[in-house]
N, C-alpha and C. Protein backbone atom coordinates (compact mmCIF):
# COMPACT_ATOMS: atom_id res chain seq x y z
N MET A 1 -5.49 -4.12 -16.08
CA MET A 1 -4.91 -3.55 -14.89
C MET A 1 -3.88 -4.52 -14.35
N ALA A 2 -2.64 -4.12 -14.25
CA ALA A 2 -1.60 -4.95 -13.66
C ALA A 2 -1.55 -4.69 -12.17
N GLY A 3 -0.65 -5.35 -11.47
CA GLY A 3 -0.51 -5.17 -10.03
C GLY A 3 -0.27 -3.72 -9.67
N HIS A 4 0.91 -3.23 -9.90
CA HIS A 4 1.25 -1.85 -9.55
C HIS A 4 1.21 -1.01 -10.80
N THR A 5 0.46 0.07 -10.73
CA THR A 5 0.32 0.89 -11.92
C THR A 5 1.31 2.05 -11.95
N GLY A 6 2.09 2.23 -10.87
CA GLY A 6 3.10 3.27 -10.87
C GLY A 6 2.50 4.65 -10.97
N GLY A 7 1.43 4.91 -10.18
CA GLY A 7 0.74 6.19 -10.24
C GLY A 7 1.67 7.35 -9.97
N ALA A 8 1.46 8.43 -10.70
CA ALA A 8 2.20 9.65 -10.43
C ALA A 8 1.75 10.17 -9.08
N LEU A 9 2.41 11.15 -8.57
CA LEU A 9 2.11 11.61 -7.23
C LEU A 9 0.70 12.14 -7.10
N GLY A 10 -0.19 11.26 -6.97
CA GLY A 10 -1.53 11.48 -6.49
C GLY A 10 -2.48 12.35 -7.25
N THR A 11 -3.71 12.02 -7.03
CA THR A 11 -4.82 12.78 -7.56
C THR A 11 -5.25 13.77 -6.49
N PRO A 12 -5.30 15.07 -6.76
CA PRO A 12 -5.65 16.02 -5.72
C PRO A 12 -7.14 16.05 -5.43
N ALA A 13 -7.45 16.33 -4.18
CA ALA A 13 -8.82 16.56 -3.75
C ALA A 13 -8.71 17.50 -2.56
N SER A 14 -9.60 18.44 -2.43
CA SER A 14 -9.55 19.35 -1.30
C SER A 14 -10.51 18.89 -0.23
N ALA A 15 -10.11 19.08 1.01
CA ALA A 15 -10.96 18.73 2.14
C ALA A 15 -10.83 19.85 3.17
N ARG A 16 -11.88 20.09 3.86
CA ARG A 16 -11.90 21.15 4.86
C ARG A 16 -11.91 20.52 6.24
N LEU A 17 -11.00 20.93 7.13
CA LEU A 17 -10.93 20.41 8.48
C LEU A 17 -11.39 21.48 9.46
N GLY A 18 -12.23 21.10 10.41
CA GLY A 18 -12.64 22.03 11.45
C GLY A 18 -13.64 23.04 10.96
N GLU A 19 -13.98 23.96 11.84
CA GLU A 19 -14.92 25.01 11.50
C GLU A 19 -14.48 26.31 12.16
N GLY A 20 -15.00 27.40 11.69
CA GLY A 20 -14.74 28.71 12.29
C GLY A 20 -13.37 29.25 11.96
N LYS A 21 -12.89 30.16 12.84
CA LYS A 21 -11.64 30.86 12.60
C LYS A 21 -10.43 29.94 12.53
N ASN A 22 -10.47 28.86 13.29
CA ASN A 22 -9.30 27.98 13.35
C ASN A 22 -9.32 26.87 12.30
N SER A 23 -10.26 26.93 11.36
CA SER A 23 -10.30 25.88 10.35
C SER A 23 -9.13 26.04 9.39
N ARG A 24 -8.71 24.93 8.83
CA ARG A 24 -7.64 24.97 7.84
C ARG A 24 -8.00 24.05 6.70
N THR A 25 -7.41 24.28 5.59
CA THR A 25 -7.65 23.45 4.42
C THR A 25 -6.47 22.51 4.25
N MET A 26 -6.75 21.25 3.97
CA MET A 26 -5.67 20.33 3.66
C MET A 26 -5.89 19.83 2.25
N THR A 27 -4.81 19.45 1.63
CA THR A 27 -4.90 18.88 0.30
C THR A 27 -4.68 17.39 0.42
N GLU A 28 -5.71 16.62 0.10
CA GLU A 28 -5.59 15.17 0.15
C GLU A 28 -5.25 14.68 -1.25
N ARG A 29 -4.32 13.78 -1.31
CA ARG A 29 -3.93 13.18 -2.59
C ARG A 29 -4.07 11.67 -2.49
N VAL A 30 -4.15 11.04 -3.63
CA VAL A 30 -4.33 9.60 -3.70
C VAL A 30 -3.34 9.02 -4.70
N ILE A 31 -2.67 7.95 -4.33
CA ILE A 31 -1.79 7.22 -5.24
C ILE A 31 -2.35 5.81 -5.37
N SER A 32 -2.58 5.39 -6.59
CA SER A 32 -3.03 4.02 -6.85
C SER A 32 -1.83 3.09 -6.74
N LEU A 33 -2.01 2.00 -5.99
CA LEU A 33 -0.93 1.03 -5.79
C LEU A 33 -1.20 -0.28 -6.53
N GLY A 34 -2.35 -0.40 -7.18
CA GLY A 34 -2.71 -1.64 -7.85
C GLY A 34 -3.42 -2.58 -6.90
N ALA A 35 -3.73 -3.76 -7.37
CA ALA A 35 -4.48 -4.73 -6.57
C ALA A 35 -3.58 -5.78 -5.92
N VAL A 36 -2.42 -6.02 -6.53
CA VAL A 36 -1.47 -7.02 -6.05
C VAL A 36 -0.06 -6.51 -6.35
N PRO A 37 0.97 -7.15 -5.79
CA PRO A 37 2.34 -6.76 -6.17
C PRO A 37 2.54 -6.87 -7.69
N ALA A 38 3.42 -6.04 -8.22
CA ALA A 38 3.59 -5.88 -9.67
C ALA A 38 3.86 -7.17 -10.43
N ARG A 39 4.55 -8.11 -9.86
CA ARG A 39 4.92 -9.34 -10.59
C ARG A 39 3.97 -10.51 -10.33
N GLU A 40 2.84 -10.25 -9.72
CA GLU A 40 1.90 -11.31 -9.39
C GLU A 40 0.68 -11.26 -10.31
N SER A 41 0.05 -12.41 -10.47
CA SER A 41 -1.19 -12.44 -11.25
C SER A 41 -2.32 -11.94 -10.36
N TYR A 42 -3.40 -11.53 -10.95
CA TYR A 42 -4.50 -10.92 -10.21
C TYR A 42 -5.84 -11.36 -10.79
N ALA A 43 -6.88 -11.19 -10.01
CA ALA A 43 -8.24 -11.51 -10.46
C ALA A 43 -8.59 -10.57 -11.61
N ARG A 44 -9.19 -11.11 -12.63
CA ARG A 44 -9.57 -10.32 -13.80
C ARG A 44 -11.05 -9.98 -13.74
N LEU A 45 -11.34 -8.73 -14.02
CA LEU A 45 -12.71 -8.25 -14.06
C LEU A 45 -13.52 -9.12 -15.02
N GLY A 46 -14.67 -9.58 -14.59
CA GLY A 46 -15.52 -10.42 -15.41
C GLY A 46 -15.39 -11.90 -15.12
N GLU A 47 -14.31 -12.29 -14.42
CA GLU A 47 -14.15 -13.69 -14.04
C GLU A 47 -15.16 -14.04 -12.95
N THR A 48 -15.56 -15.30 -12.91
CA THR A 48 -16.44 -15.77 -11.85
C THR A 48 -15.75 -15.56 -10.51
N GLY A 49 -16.46 -14.98 -9.56
CA GLY A 49 -15.90 -14.74 -8.23
C GLY A 49 -14.93 -13.57 -8.17
N TYR A 50 -14.96 -12.70 -9.19
CA TYR A 50 -14.00 -11.59 -9.25
C TYR A 50 -14.00 -10.75 -7.97
N ALA A 51 -15.17 -10.29 -7.54
CA ALA A 51 -15.24 -9.35 -6.42
C ALA A 51 -14.61 -9.95 -5.16
N GLU A 52 -14.95 -11.19 -4.84
CA GLU A 52 -14.41 -11.83 -3.64
C GLU A 52 -12.91 -12.03 -3.74
N ARG A 53 -12.46 -12.52 -4.89
CA ARG A 53 -11.03 -12.77 -5.07
C ARG A 53 -10.24 -11.46 -5.06
N ALA A 54 -10.73 -10.46 -5.78
CA ALA A 54 -10.04 -9.17 -5.85
C ALA A 54 -9.96 -8.52 -4.47
N PHE A 55 -11.05 -8.58 -3.71
CA PHE A 55 -11.05 -8.00 -2.37
C PHE A 55 -10.02 -8.70 -1.49
N ALA A 56 -9.99 -10.04 -1.56
CA ALA A 56 -9.02 -10.80 -0.76
C ALA A 56 -7.59 -10.45 -1.18
N GLU A 57 -7.35 -10.31 -2.47
CA GLU A 57 -6.01 -9.93 -2.95
C GLU A 57 -5.62 -8.55 -2.45
N CYS A 58 -6.54 -7.61 -2.50
CA CYS A 58 -6.24 -6.25 -2.02
C CYS A 58 -5.95 -6.25 -0.53
N ARG A 59 -6.70 -7.03 0.25
CA ARG A 59 -6.46 -7.11 1.69
C ARG A 59 -5.08 -7.71 1.97
N ARG A 60 -4.74 -8.74 1.22
CA ARG A 60 -3.43 -9.37 1.39
C ARG A 60 -2.31 -8.40 1.02
N TYR A 61 -2.49 -7.65 -0.05
CA TYR A 61 -1.49 -6.66 -0.48
C TYR A 61 -1.37 -5.54 0.56
N GLU A 62 -2.48 -5.12 1.11
CA GLU A 62 -2.48 -4.10 2.16
C GLU A 62 -1.65 -4.58 3.36
N ALA A 63 -1.86 -5.82 3.80
CA ALA A 63 -1.10 -6.37 4.91
C ALA A 63 0.39 -6.49 4.56
N LEU A 64 0.69 -6.90 3.32
CA LEU A 64 2.07 -7.02 2.87
C LEU A 64 2.77 -5.65 2.90
N LEU A 65 2.08 -4.63 2.42
CA LEU A 65 2.65 -3.27 2.43
C LEU A 65 2.90 -2.78 3.86
N ARG A 66 1.94 -3.01 4.75
CA ARG A 66 2.15 -2.59 6.14
C ARG A 66 3.34 -3.31 6.76
N GLY A 67 3.51 -4.57 6.41
CA GLY A 67 4.66 -5.31 6.92
C GLY A 67 5.98 -4.81 6.36
N ALA A 68 5.99 -4.41 5.09
CA ALA A 68 7.22 -3.96 4.43
C ALA A 68 7.54 -2.49 4.71
N ILE A 69 6.52 -1.63 4.69
CA ILE A 69 6.72 -0.18 4.82
C ILE A 69 6.45 0.30 6.24
N GLY A 70 5.54 -0.38 6.92
CA GLY A 70 5.14 0.01 8.28
C GLY A 70 3.71 0.53 8.29
N PRO A 71 3.17 0.74 9.48
CA PRO A 71 1.80 1.25 9.57
C PRO A 71 1.72 2.70 9.11
N GLU A 72 0.54 3.10 8.73
CA GLU A 72 0.34 4.46 8.25
C GLU A 72 0.53 5.47 9.39
N PRO A 73 1.26 6.54 9.11
CA PRO A 73 1.37 7.62 10.09
C PRO A 73 0.11 8.49 10.02
N PRO A 74 -0.10 9.36 11.01
CA PRO A 74 -1.23 10.30 10.91
C PRO A 74 -1.15 11.07 9.60
N GLY A 75 -2.29 11.18 8.92
CA GLY A 75 -2.34 11.91 7.65
C GLY A 75 -2.24 11.01 6.44
N ALA A 76 -2.04 9.70 6.65
CA ALA A 76 -1.97 8.75 5.53
C ALA A 76 -2.87 7.57 5.85
N ARG A 77 -3.42 6.95 4.80
CA ARG A 77 -4.31 5.81 5.00
C ARG A 77 -4.30 4.91 3.78
N LEU A 78 -4.08 3.63 4.00
CA LEU A 78 -4.24 2.63 2.94
C LEU A 78 -5.70 2.23 2.92
N ARG A 79 -6.26 2.10 1.73
CA ARG A 79 -7.65 1.63 1.65
C ARG A 79 -7.90 1.00 0.29
N ILE A 80 -8.93 0.17 0.26
CA ILE A 80 -9.35 -0.48 -0.97
C ILE A 80 -10.41 0.41 -1.61
N ARG A 81 -10.24 0.68 -2.88
CA ARG A 81 -11.14 1.58 -3.60
C ARG A 81 -11.70 0.87 -4.83
N ARG A 82 -12.95 1.14 -5.10
CA ARG A 82 -13.58 0.64 -6.33
C ARG A 82 -13.46 1.76 -7.35
N SER A 83 -13.00 1.42 -8.54
CA SER A 83 -12.83 2.42 -9.60
C SER A 83 -14.18 2.94 -10.07
N ALA A 84 -14.12 3.99 -10.84
CA ALA A 84 -15.33 4.57 -11.42
C ALA A 84 -16.02 3.55 -12.32
N PRO A 85 -17.34 3.50 -12.32
CA PRO A 85 -18.07 2.52 -13.13
C PRO A 85 -17.67 2.54 -14.61
N GLY A 86 -17.32 3.67 -15.15
CA GLY A 86 -16.92 3.74 -16.55
C GLY A 86 -15.64 2.99 -16.85
N LEU A 87 -14.87 2.68 -15.81
CA LEU A 87 -13.61 1.96 -15.99
C LEU A 87 -13.76 0.46 -15.72
N GLY A 88 -14.98 0.01 -15.52
CA GLY A 88 -15.19 -1.42 -15.29
C GLY A 88 -15.37 -1.78 -13.83
N SER A 89 -15.29 -0.83 -12.93
CA SER A 89 -15.56 -1.03 -11.51
C SER A 89 -14.64 -2.09 -10.87
N TYR A 90 -13.35 -2.00 -11.13
CA TYR A 90 -12.39 -2.93 -10.53
C TYR A 90 -11.95 -2.43 -9.15
N LEU A 91 -11.37 -3.32 -8.35
CA LEU A 91 -10.87 -2.98 -7.02
C LEU A 91 -9.37 -2.76 -7.07
N GLU A 92 -8.88 -1.83 -6.26
CA GLU A 92 -7.45 -1.56 -6.17
C GLU A 92 -7.14 -1.01 -4.79
N LEU A 93 -5.87 -1.11 -4.41
CA LEU A 93 -5.41 -0.54 -3.16
C LEU A 93 -4.86 0.86 -3.47
N VAL A 94 -5.19 1.81 -2.63
CA VAL A 94 -4.67 3.17 -2.78
C VAL A 94 -4.10 3.63 -1.44
N VAL A 95 -3.24 4.63 -1.50
CA VAL A 95 -2.81 5.31 -0.30
C VAL A 95 -3.29 6.75 -0.44
N GLU A 96 -4.07 7.19 0.54
CA GLU A 96 -4.54 8.58 0.60
C GLU A 96 -3.65 9.29 1.60
N TYR A 97 -3.30 10.54 1.31
CA TYR A 97 -2.42 11.26 2.24
C TYR A 97 -2.64 12.75 2.15
N ASP A 98 -2.31 13.42 3.26
CA ASP A 98 -2.37 14.87 3.35
C ASP A 98 -1.07 15.39 2.74
N ASP A 99 -1.16 16.07 1.62
CA ASP A 99 0.02 16.55 0.91
C ASP A 99 0.80 17.60 1.71
N GLU A 100 0.16 18.21 2.68
CA GLU A 100 0.83 19.22 3.51
C GLU A 100 1.57 18.59 4.70
N ASN A 101 1.37 17.30 4.92
CA ASN A 101 2.00 16.57 6.01
C ASN A 101 3.22 15.85 5.44
N VAL A 102 4.41 16.31 5.80
CA VAL A 102 5.65 15.77 5.24
C VAL A 102 5.80 14.28 5.52
N ILE A 103 5.46 13.84 6.70
CA ILE A 103 5.60 12.43 7.07
C ILE A 103 4.60 11.57 6.30
N ALA A 104 3.36 12.04 6.20
CA ALA A 104 2.34 11.30 5.45
C ALA A 104 2.72 11.21 3.97
N ARG A 105 3.20 12.31 3.41
CA ARG A 105 3.61 12.33 2.00
C ARG A 105 4.79 11.37 1.77
N ALA A 106 5.76 11.38 2.67
CA ALA A 106 6.91 10.47 2.53
C ALA A 106 6.47 9.01 2.60
N TYR A 107 5.53 8.71 3.48
CA TYR A 107 5.01 7.34 3.59
C TYR A 107 4.35 6.92 2.28
N ALA A 108 3.52 7.79 1.72
CA ALA A 108 2.82 7.49 0.47
C ALA A 108 3.81 7.25 -0.66
N ILE A 109 4.84 8.07 -0.74
CA ILE A 109 5.85 7.91 -1.78
C ILE A 109 6.60 6.59 -1.60
N ARG A 110 6.90 6.23 -0.35
CA ARG A 110 7.55 4.93 -0.10
C ARG A 110 6.66 3.78 -0.55
N CYS A 111 5.36 3.88 -0.26
CA CYS A 111 4.42 2.83 -0.69
C CYS A 111 4.47 2.67 -2.20
N ASP A 112 4.53 3.77 -2.91
CA ASP A 112 4.55 3.76 -4.38
C ASP A 112 5.88 3.22 -4.92
N ARG A 113 6.97 3.65 -4.35
CA ARG A 113 8.29 3.31 -4.90
C ARG A 113 8.90 2.03 -4.34
N GLU A 114 8.56 1.68 -3.10
CA GLU A 114 9.22 0.55 -2.44
C GLU A 114 8.28 -0.62 -2.19
N ALA A 115 7.13 -0.64 -2.81
CA ALA A 115 6.19 -1.74 -2.61
C ALA A 115 6.83 -3.06 -3.04
N PRO A 116 6.61 -4.13 -2.27
CA PRO A 116 7.12 -5.43 -2.70
C PRO A 116 6.57 -5.79 -4.08
N THR A 117 7.34 -6.47 -4.88
CA THR A 117 6.90 -6.83 -6.23
C THR A 117 6.36 -8.26 -6.31
N SER A 118 6.43 -9.00 -5.19
CA SER A 118 5.88 -10.35 -5.15
C SER A 118 5.35 -10.63 -3.75
N TRP A 119 4.62 -11.71 -3.63
CA TRP A 119 4.06 -12.09 -2.32
C TRP A 119 5.15 -12.57 -1.38
N GLU A 120 6.26 -13.04 -1.91
CA GLU A 120 7.34 -13.61 -1.08
C GLU A 120 8.25 -12.53 -0.55
């Protein structure tokens, strides 16, 4: 796993908001951003202290992205995700967003395309 994996426009998931007549369905998508900027080294799965180092790297990358792109608008969220156990259970930063929200979708695309490539 390198820093930025260049995820295609998100993995779809459906979520239901509200209840009753006024409920609406939103489509939530996820874009993987990697664990660190693309040109940086990263903690390797299986290394001693991997979980602590990887979590710290993801938190630092999250802060770097917020500084470069800005805070998440309503409908978008940066978060650290643990991969499926079959993939080795590594940590990565993702941006989740409501695909029906134009501003949230634009933010997610900016995170994917304009992410800093180094810590500097």
